[in-house]
């Protein structure tokens, strides 16, 4: 493939990835509006956000292997088409439950696209230096998408109805379909590779059970029986998945890949980077709107400072990783990200004001977000290069799926864990004034809705108590995020210092 065509193909798959990443975060600024107009309760709010990464994480491994079988071009184009249809359904969803289902359908299309984007890069860019640059661009677009989502959601919510955040995907999908059909290489894949649907179901059961257990454990008045059942389902799903993979000649996940410390460290770094990115953006956009009363657009623009820090560092990491190796970029990036999270917490107005002058101005968070973004850009780009650059060519689809699962599990756990911790701490620490309905204890959204129906002398104390309780949860979630990034930095630095074990991954396809 000519050089010009290669780079235009990179643009096309990057646009596909941008769509997927934007939809990961586009609802963060739209969530308060959705909650009000669709009458979503606290549990539905989290499922609206979580249905997307949850279904993707369950399907990605199978999608990568299916791409190896039917061809990555076909998977990319089919995923785009499904994504466009699902976006139309989501845009006109009449209820929260329908929107949750549409978000799950969106994830089916996204899971078909995501491994194909990396696999097309892996097979098209044969030169290692070019491939690392292309992967750097790919990883940067992922971060740009997650940062652009809150801005785009805020902008559309201010001028149109909430469904526009999904409908805008459709014309982009059409253009990407045309470009992909023309530019992507049309290899037919390996028809002898089986697709293991049962394994996809097993891992989905494990993930759903685990997420349900987290949500149940952190809600007011948790039911121990439900938690136990969910954990048993999760354990059964994951155990059956591992046993099945070890017995199969062509597994969805070859555990031999994990013997390479560079691949394992890349997976850990990718997951932790997205854990921090998704958790920070969700919690911060909610605080900016619900506590500081900023508009969705204003909140999205402030959170975009994360991308402003991530873009240059991601590009730098892509050009350096082939010379420095992944260790300093991954471990240093995670540590820098932790410092940025702590700085964001210290500069958050009304929580721990570090600067005496104008402590309530929300712009103080920008430096912290830029430092955090710079760290995540380094870590994510180096993580992608470590995974894709050290996997054998015949495992390109599997390696792409492993990487994407790491990202999606990180995003899923960030929203599920940090969102649940935030909600649990709010309900356990809020002290409602006497005579206020108990509904205000469910969430800050509910407290604001309740206050709107009360006279000022009763509404003001309620809002003050609700915001104070929310800030307790906000502080804890950022501290948890920083601690996770520090732990990840130590783990990856030690793991990448081990002797090279890449030879443990066979370079040829095993005999059937």
Protein backbone atom coordinates (compact mmCIF):
# COMPACT_ATOMS: atom_id res chain seq x y z
CA UNK A 1 0.00 0.00 0.00
CA UNK A 2 1.33 3.46 -0.94
CA UNK A 3 2.45 5.82 1.79
CA UNK A 4 -0.35 8.33 1.13
CA UNK A 5 -3.02 5.64 1.18
CA UNK A 6 -1.64 4.22 4.44
CA UNK A 7 -1.96 7.53 6.21
CA UNK A 8 -5.45 8.19 4.82
CA UNK A 9 -6.46 4.78 6.12
CA UNK A 10 -5.11 5.83 9.51
CA UNK A 11 -7.35 8.91 9.35
CA UNK A 12 -10.36 6.72 8.55
CA UNK A 13 -9.86 4.23 11.38
CA UNK A 14 -9.04 7.12 13.73
CA UNK A 15 -12.41 8.68 12.90
CA UNK A 16 -14.09 5.38 13.74
CA UNK A 17 -12.24 5.25 17.04
CA UNK A 18 -13.15 8.89 17.69
CA UNK A 19 -16.85 8.02 17.36
CA UNK A 20 -16.49 5.17 19.85
CA UNK A 21 -14.54 7.28 22.33
CA UNK A 22 -16.87 10.27 22.11
CA UNK A 23 -19.85 8.06 22.92
CA UNK A 24 -18.02 6.81 25.98
CA UNK A 25 -18.19 10.26 27.59
CA UNK A 26 -20.72 12.31 25.63
CA UNK A 27 -23.41 11.64 28.23
CA UNK A 28 -21.36 12.92 31.18
CA UNK A 29 -22.48 16.52 30.65
CA UNK A 30 -25.87 15.43 29.30
CA UNK A 31 -26.63 13.17 32.26
CA UNK A 32 -28.39 15.76 34.47
CA UNK A 33 -30.68 16.68 31.55
CA UNK A 34 -31.31 13.02 30.73
CA UNK A 35 -32.08 12.25 34.35
CA UNK A 36 -34.73 14.97 34.44
CA UNK A 37 -36.36 14.36 31.05
CA UNK A 38 -36.37 10.55 31.14
CA UNK A 39 -37.10 10.38 34.89
CA UNK A 40 -34.11 8.08 35.44
CA UNK A 41 -33.36 6.96 38.98
CA UNK A 42 -29.84 6.63 40.43
CA UNK A 43 -29.45 3.01 39.29
CA UNK A 44 -30.65 3.76 35.75
CA UNK A 45 -28.20 6.66 35.54
CA UNK A 46 -25.25 4.37 36.15
CA UNK A 47 -26.57 1.72 33.77
CA UNK A 48 -27.02 4.34 31.02
CA UNK A 49 -23.31 5.05 31.34
CA UNK A 50 -22.14 1.49 32.07
CA UNK A 51 -24.13 -0.47 29.47
CA UNK A 52 -21.79 0.77 26.75
CA UNK A 53 -18.39 -0.25 28.18
CA UNK A 54 -19.85 -3.38 29.80
CA UNK A 55 -21.13 -4.90 26.56
CA UNK A 56 -17.98 -3.86 24.71
CA UNK A 57 -15.71 -5.47 27.27
CA UNK A 58 -17.70 -8.70 26.99
CA UNK A 59 -17.64 -8.82 23.19
CA UNK A 60 -14.21 -7.43 22.32
CA UNK A 61 -12.23 -10.65 22.69
CA UNK A 62 -14.64 -12.51 20.46
CA UNK A 63 -14.73 -9.63 17.99
CA UNK A 64 -10.96 -9.67 17.58
CA UNK A 65 -10.91 -13.38 16.83
CA UNK A 66 -13.91 -13.02 14.51
CA UNK A 67 -11.99 -10.31 12.67
CA UNK A 68 -9.08 -12.70 12.19
CA UNK A 69 -11.59 -15.15 10.69
CA UNK A 70 -13.74 -12.96 8.39
CA UNK A 71 -11.33 -10.10 7.73
CA UNK A 72 -10.77 -6.87 9.65
CA UNK A 73 -12.12 -4.67 6.86
CA UNK A 74 -15.47 -6.45 6.98
CA UNK A 75 -15.59 -6.14 10.75
CA UNK A 76 -14.78 -2.42 10.62
CA UNK A 77 -17.47 -1.67 8.03
CA UNK A 78 -20.08 -3.88 9.72
CA UNK A 79 -19.36 -2.25 13.06
CA UNK A 80 -19.74 1.21 11.55
CA UNK A 81 -23.11 0.30 10.06
CA UNK A 82 -24.40 -1.12 13.37
CA UNK A 83 -23.12 1.95 15.19
CA UNK A 84 -25.06 4.24 12.88
CA UNK A 85 -28.31 2.31 13.31
CA UNK A 86 -27.94 2.14 17.10
CA UNK A 87 -27.22 5.88 17.26
CA UNK A 88 -30.54 6.56 15.53
CA UNK A 89 -32.39 4.32 17.99
CA UNK A 90 -30.72 5.98 20.99
CA UNK A 91 -31.51 9.48 19.71
CA UNK A 92 -35.25 8.84 19.87
CA UNK A 93 -35.40 6.57 22.95
CA UNK A 94 -38.67 7.29 24.82
CA UNK A 95 -37.51 6.01 28.21
CA UNK A 96 -34.40 5.32 30.29
CA UNK A 97 -34.74 1.56 29.76
CA UNK A 98 -34.90 1.92 25.98
CA UNK A 99 -31.85 4.18 26.08
CA UNK A 100 -29.95 1.57 28.12
CA UNK A 101 -30.82 -1.04 25.48
CA UNK A 102 -29.76 1.28 22.66
CA UNK A 103 -26.46 1.96 24.42
CA UNK A 104 -25.88 -1.80 24.60
CA UNK A 105 -26.63 -2.04 20.85
CA UNK A 106 -24.15 0.79 20.23
CA UNK A 107 -21.55 -1.27 22.07
CA UNK A 108 -22.08 -4.21 19.67
CA UNK A 109 -21.10 -2.01 16.74
CA UNK A 110 -18.23 -0.47 18.67
CA UNK A 111 -16.86 -3.86 19.71
CA UNK A 112 -16.77 -4.93 16.06
CA UNK A 113 -14.91 -1.77 15.05
CA UNK A 114 -12.34 -1.36 17.80
CA UNK A 115 -10.11 -4.43 17.29
CA UNK A 116 -10.35 -3.89 13.54
CA UNK A 117 -8.91 -0.37 13.83
CA UNK A 118 -5.75 -1.55 15.56
CA UNK A 119 -5.45 -4.71 13.46
CA UNK A 120 -5.62 -2.67 10.24
CA UNK A 121 -2.84 -0.44 11.58
CA UNK A 122 -0.80 -3.47 12.67
CA UNK A 123 -1.00 -5.15 9.26
CA UNK A 124 -0.75 -1.99 7.11
CA UNK A 125 2.22 -0.25 8.76
CA UNK A 126 5.08 -2.74 8.46
CA UNK A 127 7.85 -0.33 9.45
CA UNK A 128 8.20 -0.34 13.26
CA UNK A 129 8.84 3.40 13.53
CA UNK A 130 5.84 4.26 11.33
CA UNK A 131 3.70 1.76 13.19
CA UNK A 132 4.56 3.29 16.56
CA UNK A 133 3.70 6.76 15.24
CA UNK A 134 0.41 5.43 13.85
CA UNK A 135 -0.39 3.75 17.16
CA UNK A 136 0.46 7.01 18.91
CA UNK A 137 -2.02 8.86 16.68
CA UNK A 138 -4.57 6.11 17.33
CA UNK A 139 -4.13 6.33 21.10
CA UNK A 140 -4.26 10.11 21.03
CA UNK A 141 -7.54 10.04 19.11
CA UNK A 142 -8.98 7.78 21.78
CA UNK A 143 -8.12 10.34 24.44
CA UNK A 144 -9.33 13.23 22.27
CA UNK A 145 -12.65 11.45 21.87
CA UNK A 146 -13.12 10.92 25.59
CA UNK A 147 -12.25 14.58 26.21
CA UNK A 148 -14.36 15.86 23.31
CA UNK A 149 -17.42 13.93 24.47
CA UNK A 150 -18.33 16.23 27.40
CA UNK A 151 -17.79 19.34 25.25
CA UNK A 152 -19.88 18.02 22.38
CA UNK A 153 -22.58 16.84 24.77
CA UNK A 154 -22.69 20.23 26.50
CA UNK A 155 -22.80 22.15 23.24
CA UNK A 156 -25.61 20.06 21.77
CA UNK A 157 -27.65 20.02 24.99
CA UNK A 158 -27.57 23.82 25.13
CA UNK A 159 -28.94 24.21 21.58
CA UNK A 160 -30.88 21.02 20.81
CA UNK A 161 -32.72 18.17 22.49
CA UNK A 162 -30.71 15.46 24.26
CA UNK A 163 -31.07 12.95 21.39
CA UNK A 164 -28.83 15.11 19.22
CA UNK A 165 -25.77 13.77 21.07
CA UNK A 166 -26.43 10.44 19.31
CA UNK A 167 -27.91 11.62 16.02
CA UNK A 168 -24.75 13.55 15.16
CA UNK A 169 -22.97 10.19 14.75
CA UNK A 170 -24.96 9.24 11.65
CA UNK A 171 -23.38 11.54 8.99
CA UNK A 172 -19.90 10.76 10.32
CA UNK A 173 -20.64 7.03 10.03
CA UNK A 174 -21.72 7.45 6.40
CA UNK A 175 -18.49 9.26 5.47
CA UNK A 176 -16.33 6.70 7.30
CA UNK A 177 -18.14 3.84 5.58
CA UNK A 178 -17.33 5.27 2.17
CA UNK A 179 -13.68 5.95 3.05
CA UNK A 180 -13.23 2.54 4.69
CA UNK A 181 -14.67 0.70 1.71
CA UNK A 182 -12.19 2.46 -0.62
CA UNK A 183 -9.03 2.54 1.52
CA UNK A 184 -8.98 -0.52 3.80
CA UNK A 185 -7.16 -3.62 2.48
CA UNK A 186 -9.64 -6.35 1.64
CA UNK A 187 -7.98 -9.44 3.09
CA UNK A 188 -10.55 -12.19 3.60
CA UNK A 189 -9.17 -13.51 6.87
CA UNK A 190 -8.68 -17.09 8.03
CA UNK A 191 -11.80 -19.21 7.60
CA UNK A 192 -10.23 -22.02 9.65
CA UNK A 193 -10.33 -19.88 12.83
CA UNK A 194 -13.41 -20.65 14.93
CA UNK A 195 -15.48 -18.00 16.68
CA UNK A 196 -16.25 -18.91 20.28
CA UNK A 197 -19.64 -17.37 21.08
CA UNK A 198 -19.97 -19.38 24.30
CA UNK A 199 -16.81 -17.82 25.71
CA UNK A 200 -18.17 -14.34 24.98
CA UNK A 201 -21.30 -15.20 26.95
CA UNK A 202 -19.22 -16.54 29.84
CA UNK A 203 -17.11 -13.40 30.17
CA UNK A 204 -20.24 -11.23 29.83
CA UNK A 205 -21.87 -13.10 32.72
CA UNK A 206 -18.75 -12.53 34.80
CA UNK A 207 -18.67 -8.81 34.07
CA UNK A 208 -22.40 -8.23 34.63
CA UNK A 209 -22.26 -10.13 37.92
CA UNK A 210 -19.26 -8.14 39.12
CA UNK A 211 -20.73 -4.75 38.19
CA UNK A 212 -24.09 -5.65 39.76
CA UNK A 213 -22.32 -6.69 42.97
CA UNK A 214 -20.47 -3.36 43.13
CA UNK A 215 -23.65 -1.38 42.57
CA UNK A 216 -25.62 -3.41 45.11
CA UNK A 217 -22.88 -3.18 47.74
CA UNK A 218 -22.64 0.61 47.49
CA UNK A 219 -26.33 1.53 47.42
CA UNK A 220 -28.32 2.45 50.54
CA UNK A 221 -29.59 -0.68 52.31
CA UNK A 222 -27.74 -3.29 50.22
CA UNK A 223 -29.17 -6.79 50.02
CA UNK A 224 -26.46 -9.31 51.06
CA UNK A 225 -28.21 -12.13 49.19
CA UNK A 226 -28.14 -10.18 45.91
CA UNK A 227 -24.45 -9.40 46.41
CA UNK A 228 -23.59 -13.05 47.05
CA UNK A 229 -25.57 -14.25 44.03
CA UNK A 230 -23.94 -11.63 41.79
CA UNK A 231 -20.46 -12.55 43.01
CA UNK A 232 -21.13 -16.26 42.51
CA UNK A 233 -22.33 -15.56 38.96
CA UNK A 234 -19.20 -13.47 38.30
CA UNK A 235 -16.91 -16.17 39.69
CA UNK A 236 -18.66 -18.88 37.67
CA UNK A 237 -18.52 -16.87 34.44
CA UNK A 238 -14.82 -16.02 34.76
CA UNK A 239 -13.84 -19.53 35.90
CA UNK A 240 -15.65 -21.23 33.03
CA UNK A 241 -14.11 -18.75 30.59
CA UNK A 242 -10.55 -19.45 31.76
CA UNK A 243 -11.04 -23.23 31.69
CA UNK A 244 -12.56 -23.10 28.22
CA UNK A 245 -9.72 -20.97 26.84
CA UNK A 246 -7.06 -23.32 28.16
CA UNK A 247 -8.69 -26.31 26.44
CA UNK A 248 -9.15 -24.77 23.00
CA UNK A 249 -6.70 -24.84 20.10
CA UNK A 250 -7.83 -21.37 18.98
CA UNK A 251 -8.80 -19.49 22.17
CA UNK A 252 -10.23 -15.99 22.33
CA UNK A 253 -7.43 -15.20 24.77
CA UNK A 254 -4.12 -17.03 24.66
CA UNK A 255 -2.78 -16.70 28.20
CA UNK A 256 0.74 -17.18 26.82
CA UNK A 257 0.54 -13.52 25.78
CA UNK A 258 0.43 -12.52 29.43
CA UNK A 259 3.82 -14.11 30.06
CA UNK A 260 5.45 -11.23 28.25
CA UNK A 261 5.97 -8.52 30.91
CA UNK A 262 5.64 -5.79 28.29
CA UNK A 263 2.20 -6.97 27.17
CA UNK A 264 0.99 -7.49 30.75
CA UNK A 265 2.29 -4.08 31.84
CA UNK A 266 0.63 -2.50 28.81
CA UNK A 267 -2.69 -4.05 29.78
CA UNK A 268 -2.41 -2.82 33.37
CA UNK A 269 -1.40 0.67 32.26
CA UNK A 270 -4.21 0.89 29.69
CA UNK A 271 -6.81 -0.19 32.25
CA UNK A 272 -5.60 2.19 34.96
CA UNK A 273 -5.32 5.12 32.55
CA UNK A 274 -8.93 4.69 31.46
CA UNK A 275 -10.03 4.04 35.06
CA UNK A 276 -8.66 7.47 35.95
CA UNK A 277 -9.87 9.20 32.79
CA UNK A 278 -13.44 7.94 32.95
CA UNK A 279 -13.77 8.33 36.70
CA UNK A 280 -12.38 11.87 36.82
CA UNK A 281 -14.47 13.09 33.91
CA UNK A 282 -17.71 11.60 35.23
CA UNK A 283 -17.26 12.88 38.78
CA UNK A 284 -15.88 16.28 37.82
CA UNK A 285 -18.50 17.12 35.18
CA UNK A 286 -21.23 16.26 37.67
CA UNK A 287 -19.67 18.48 40.34
CA UNK A 288 -19.19 21.42 37.99
CA UNK A 289 -22.85 21.32 37.00
CA UNK A 290 -24.60 20.22 40.19
CA UNK A 291 -22.46 22.01 42.79
CA UNK A 292 -21.10 25.05 40.94
CA UNK A 293 -24.16 25.43 38.64
CA UNK A 294 -22.10 25.64 35.45
CA UNK A 295 -23.75 24.99 32.11
CA UNK A 296 -23.05 21.65 30.39
CA UNK A 297 -20.93 23.43 27.77
CA UNK A 298 -18.88 25.33 30.37
CA UNK A 299 -18.27 22.10 32.30
CA UNK A 300 -17.23 20.28 29.13
CA UNK A 301 -14.80 23.01 28.13
CA UNK A 302 -13.09 22.92 31.51
CA UNK A 303 -12.74 19.14 31.42
CA UNK A 304 -11.18 19.50 27.94
CA UNK A 305 -8.03 20.68 29.71
CA UNK A 306 -7.36 16.97 30.20
CA UNK A 307 -7.07 16.52 26.43
CA UNK A 308 -4.92 19.64 26.14
CA UNK A 309 -2.36 17.94 28.34
CA UNK A 310 -2.77 14.53 26.74
CA UNK A 311 -2.37 15.43 23.06
CA UNK A 312 1.25 16.60 23.04
CA UNK A 313 2.45 13.95 25.47
CA UNK A 314 0.79 11.19 23.45
CA UNK A 315 2.49 12.38 20.29
CA UNK A 316 5.85 12.59 22.06
CA UNK A 317 5.44 9.09 23.51
CA UNK A 318 4.67 7.66 20.06
CA UNK A 319 7.95 9.00 18.69
CA UNK A 320 10.04 8.01 21.72
CA UNK A 321 8.83 4.55 22.70
CA UNK A 322 10.93 2.74 20.05
CA UNK A 323 14.06 4.34 21.56
CA UNK A 324 13.35 4.44 25.29
CA UNK A 325 11.22 1.33 25.60
CA UNK A 326 7.88 1.33 27.42
CA UNK A 327 9.13 1.29 31.03
CA UNK A 328 9.90 5.00 31.65
CA UNK A 329 6.87 6.16 29.67
CA UNK A 330 4.35 3.83 31.32
CA UNK A 331 5.58 4.06 34.91
CA UNK A 332 6.40 7.76 34.64
CA UNK A 333 3.11 8.53 32.92
CA UNK A 334 1.02 6.84 35.61
CA UNK A 335 2.95 8.64 38.35
CA UNK A 336 2.53 11.98 36.58
CA UNK A 337 -1.18 11.25 36.22
CA UNK A 338 -1.46 10.62 39.96
CA UNK A 339 0.24 13.96 40.67
CA UNK A 340 -2.22 15.67 38.33
CA UNK A 341 -5.23 14.09 40.05
CA UNK A 342 -4.02 15.24 43.47
CA UNK A 343 -3.34 18.73 42.11
CA UNK A 344 -6.85 18.82 40.63
CA UNK A 345 -8.28 17.92 44.04
CA UNK A 346 -6.23 20.60 45.79
CA UNK A 347 -7.32 23.25 43.29
CA UNK A 348 -11.00 22.31 43.17
CA UNK A 349 -12.96 25.36 44.37
CA UNK A 350 -14.85 24.79 47.59
CA UNK A 351 -13.15 21.50 48.47
CA UNK A 352 -9.51 22.14 49.38
CA UNK A 353 -8.85 25.71 48.17
CA UNK A 354 -5.09 26.03 47.76
CA UNK A 355 -5.11 29.60 46.50
CA UNK A 356 -6.59 32.35 48.65
CA UNK A 357 -7.59 34.63 45.79
CA UNK A 358 -10.84 33.75 44.04
CA UNK A 359 -11.09 30.22 45.52
CA UNK A 360 -14.49 29.68 43.92
CA UNK A 361 -13.35 30.16 40.33
CA UNK A 362 -13.60 26.76 38.55
CA UNK A 363 -10.67 27.59 36.26
CA UNK A 364 -8.26 26.65 39.05
CA UNK A 365 -8.69 22.97 38.12
CA UNK A 366 -7.19 23.44 34.64
CA UNK A 367 -3.49 23.02 35.61
CA UNK A 368 -4.23 19.81 37.52
CA UNK A 369 -6.22 18.37 34.63
CA UNK A 370 -3.45 19.23 32.16
CA UNK A 371 -0.83 17.47 34.29
CA UNK A 372 -3.13 14.43 34.67
CA UNK A 373 -3.78 14.39 30.93
CA UNK A 374 -0.07 14.59 30.13
CA UNK A 375 0.59 11.55 32.31
CA UNK A 376 -2.26 9.56 30.77
CA UNK A 377 -1.08 10.44 27.24
CA UNK A 378 2.37 9.03 27.96
CA UNK A 379 1.04 5.90 29.62
CA UNK A 380 -1.68 5.04 27.09
CA UNK A 381 0.45 5.50 23.98
CA UNK A 382 3.31 3.46 25.44
CA UNK A 383 0.84 0.81 26.62
CA UNK A 384 -0.63 0.44 23.12
CA UNK A 385 2.82 0.16 21.58
CA UNK A 386 3.90 -2.39 24.20
CA UNK A 387 0.92 -4.64 23.50
CA UNK A 388 0.74 -4.39 19.72
CA UNK A 389 4.49 -4.22 19.13
CA UNK A 390 5.28 -7.37 21.10
CA UNK A 391 2.47 -9.64 19.90
CA UNK A 392 3.20 -11.95 16.93
CA UNK A 393 1.51 -11.09 13.63
CA UNK A 394 -0.84 -14.09 13.76
CA UNK A 395 -2.15 -12.77 17.10
CA UNK A 396 -2.76 -9.22 15.82
CA UNK A 397 -6.54 -9.44 16.22
CA UNK A 398 -6.24 -11.05 19.64
CA UNK A 399 -3.70 -8.48 20.80
CA UNK A 400 -5.92 -5.64 19.60
CA UNK A 401 -8.85 -7.15 21.48
CA UNK A 402 -6.74 -7.61 24.62
CA UNK A 403 -5.75 -3.97 24.50
CA UNK A 404 -9.30 -2.76 23.92
CA UNK A 405 -10.65 -4.99 26.68
CA UNK A 406 -8.08 -3.41 28.99
CA UNK A 407 -9.29 0.06 28.05
CA UNK A 408 -12.97 -0.85 28.36
CA UNK A 409 -12.52 -2.67 31.67
CA UNK A 410 -10.70 0.39 32.96
CA UNK A 411 -13.48 2.70 31.84
CA UNK A 412 -16.16 0.35 33.14
CA UNK A 413 -14.52 -0.03 36.54
CA UNK A 414 -13.85 3.70 36.77
CA UNK A 415 -17.51 4.54 36.28
CA UNK A 416 -18.83 1.60 38.31
CA UNK A 417 -16.45 1.88 41.27
CA UNK A 418 -15.96 5.63 41.50
CA UNK A 419 -19.56 6.42 40.56
CA UNK A 420 -20.83 3.96 43.15
CA UNK A 421 -18.44 5.23 45.84
CA UNK A 422 -19.56 8.78 45.13
CA UNK A 423 -23.22 7.82 45.44
CA UNK A 424 -22.71 5.68 48.52
CA UNK A 425 -20.78 8.37 50.40
CA UNK A 426 -23.40 10.96 49.49
CA UNK A 427 -26.30 8.92 50.85
CA UNK A 428 -24.39 7.93 54.01
CA UNK A 429 -23.17 11.41 54.92
CA UNK A 430 -25.95 13.78 53.83
CA UNK A 431 -27.89 15.27 56.75
CA UNK A 432 -31.25 16.47 55.54
CA UNK A 433 -33.00 19.35 57.32
CA UNK A 434 -36.14 18.34 59.17
CA UNK A 435 -39.27 18.03 57.10
CA UNK A 436 -37.42 17.40 53.80
CA UNK A 437 -38.65 14.33 51.84
CA UNK A 438 -36.34 11.30 52.01
CA UNK A 439 -36.15 11.31 48.20
CA UNK A 440 -33.49 14.03 48.50
CA UNK A 441 -31.17 11.47 50.08
CA UNK A 442 -30.92 9.39 46.90
CA UNK A 443 -28.64 11.75 44.96
CA UNK A 444 -27.68 15.36 44.48
CA UNK A 445 -29.95 15.47 41.42
CA UNK A 446 -32.88 14.40 43.61
CA UNK A 447 -31.95 16.98 46.24
CA UNK A 448 -31.91 19.75 43.64
CA UNK A 449 -35.29 18.66 42.27
CA UNK A 450 -36.71 18.59 45.80
CA UNK A 451 -35.27 22.02 46.60
CA UNK A 452 -36.87 23.50 43.49
CA UNK A 453 -40.30 22.85 45.01
CA UNK A 454 -39.45 24.36 48.43
CA UNK A 455 -39.34 27.97 49.63
CA UNK A 456 -35.89 29.57 49.78
CA UNK A 457 -35.57 29.34 53.58
CA UNK A 458 -35.90 25.54 53.34
CA UNK A 459 -34.25 24.99 49.97
CA UNK A 460 -30.96 26.71 50.81
CA UNK A 461 -30.11 24.52 53.85
CA UNK A 462 -31.03 21.41 51.85
CA UNK A 463 -28.77 22.35 48.94
CA UNK A 464 -25.91 23.23 51.29
CA UNK A 465 -26.16 19.85 53.02
CA UNK A 466 -26.44 17.99 49.72
CA UNK A 467 -23.44 19.75 48.17
CA UNK A 468 -21.34 19.15 51.27
CA UNK A 469 -22.13 15.42 51.18
CA UNK A 470 -21.37 15.27 47.45
CA UNK A 471 -17.97 16.85 48.06
CA UNK A 472 -17.12 14.14 50.58
CA UNK A 473 -17.62 11.57 47.85
CA UNK A 474 -15.78 13.69 45.30
CA UNK A 475 -12.72 13.94 47.54
CA UNK A 476 -12.61 10.21 48.22
CA UNK A 477 -13.01 9.24 44.56
CA UNK A 478 -10.06 11.40 43.51
CA UNK A 479 -7.91 10.01 46.33
CA UNK A 480 -8.78 6.45 45.24
CA UNK A 481 -7.87 7.35 41.65
CA UNK A 482 -4.48 8.76 42.64
CA UNK A 483 -3.71 5.74 44.82
CA UNK A 484 -4.57 3.34 41.97
CA UNK A 485 -2.27 5.20 39.56
CA UNK A 486 0.62 5.19 42.05
CA UNK A 487 0.19 1.46 42.63
CA UNK A 488 0.11 0.89 38.88
CA UNK A 489 3.31 2.90 38.41
CA UNK A 490 5.14 0.78 40.98
CA UNK A 491 3.81 -2.48 39.51
CA UNK A 492 4.70 -1.68 35.89
CA UNK A 493 8.14 -0.30 36.79
CA UNK A 494 9.00 -3.54 38.62
CA UNK A 495 7.42 -5.79 36.01
CA UNK A 496 9.16 -4.13 33.07
CA UNK A 497 12.50 -4.44 34.86
CA UNK A 498 12.27 -8.24 34.54
CA UNK A 499 14.26 -10.03 31.81
CA UNK A 500 12.67 -10.09 28.37
CA UNK A 501 10.34 -13.05 28.03
CA UNK A 502 8.91 -12.27 24.65
CA UNK A 503 10.14 -15.62 23.35
CA UNK A 504 7.36 -17.23 25.40
CA UNK A 505 4.90 -16.08 22.73
CA UNK A 506 5.11 -18.44 19.74
CA UNK A 507 5.83 -16.67 16.45
CA UNK A 508 3.81 -19.12 14.36
CA UNK A 509 0.23 -20.22 14.44
CA UNK A 510 -0.02 -23.46 16.43
CA UNK A 511 -1.13 -26.49 14.51
CA UNK A 512 -4.82 -27.28 14.77
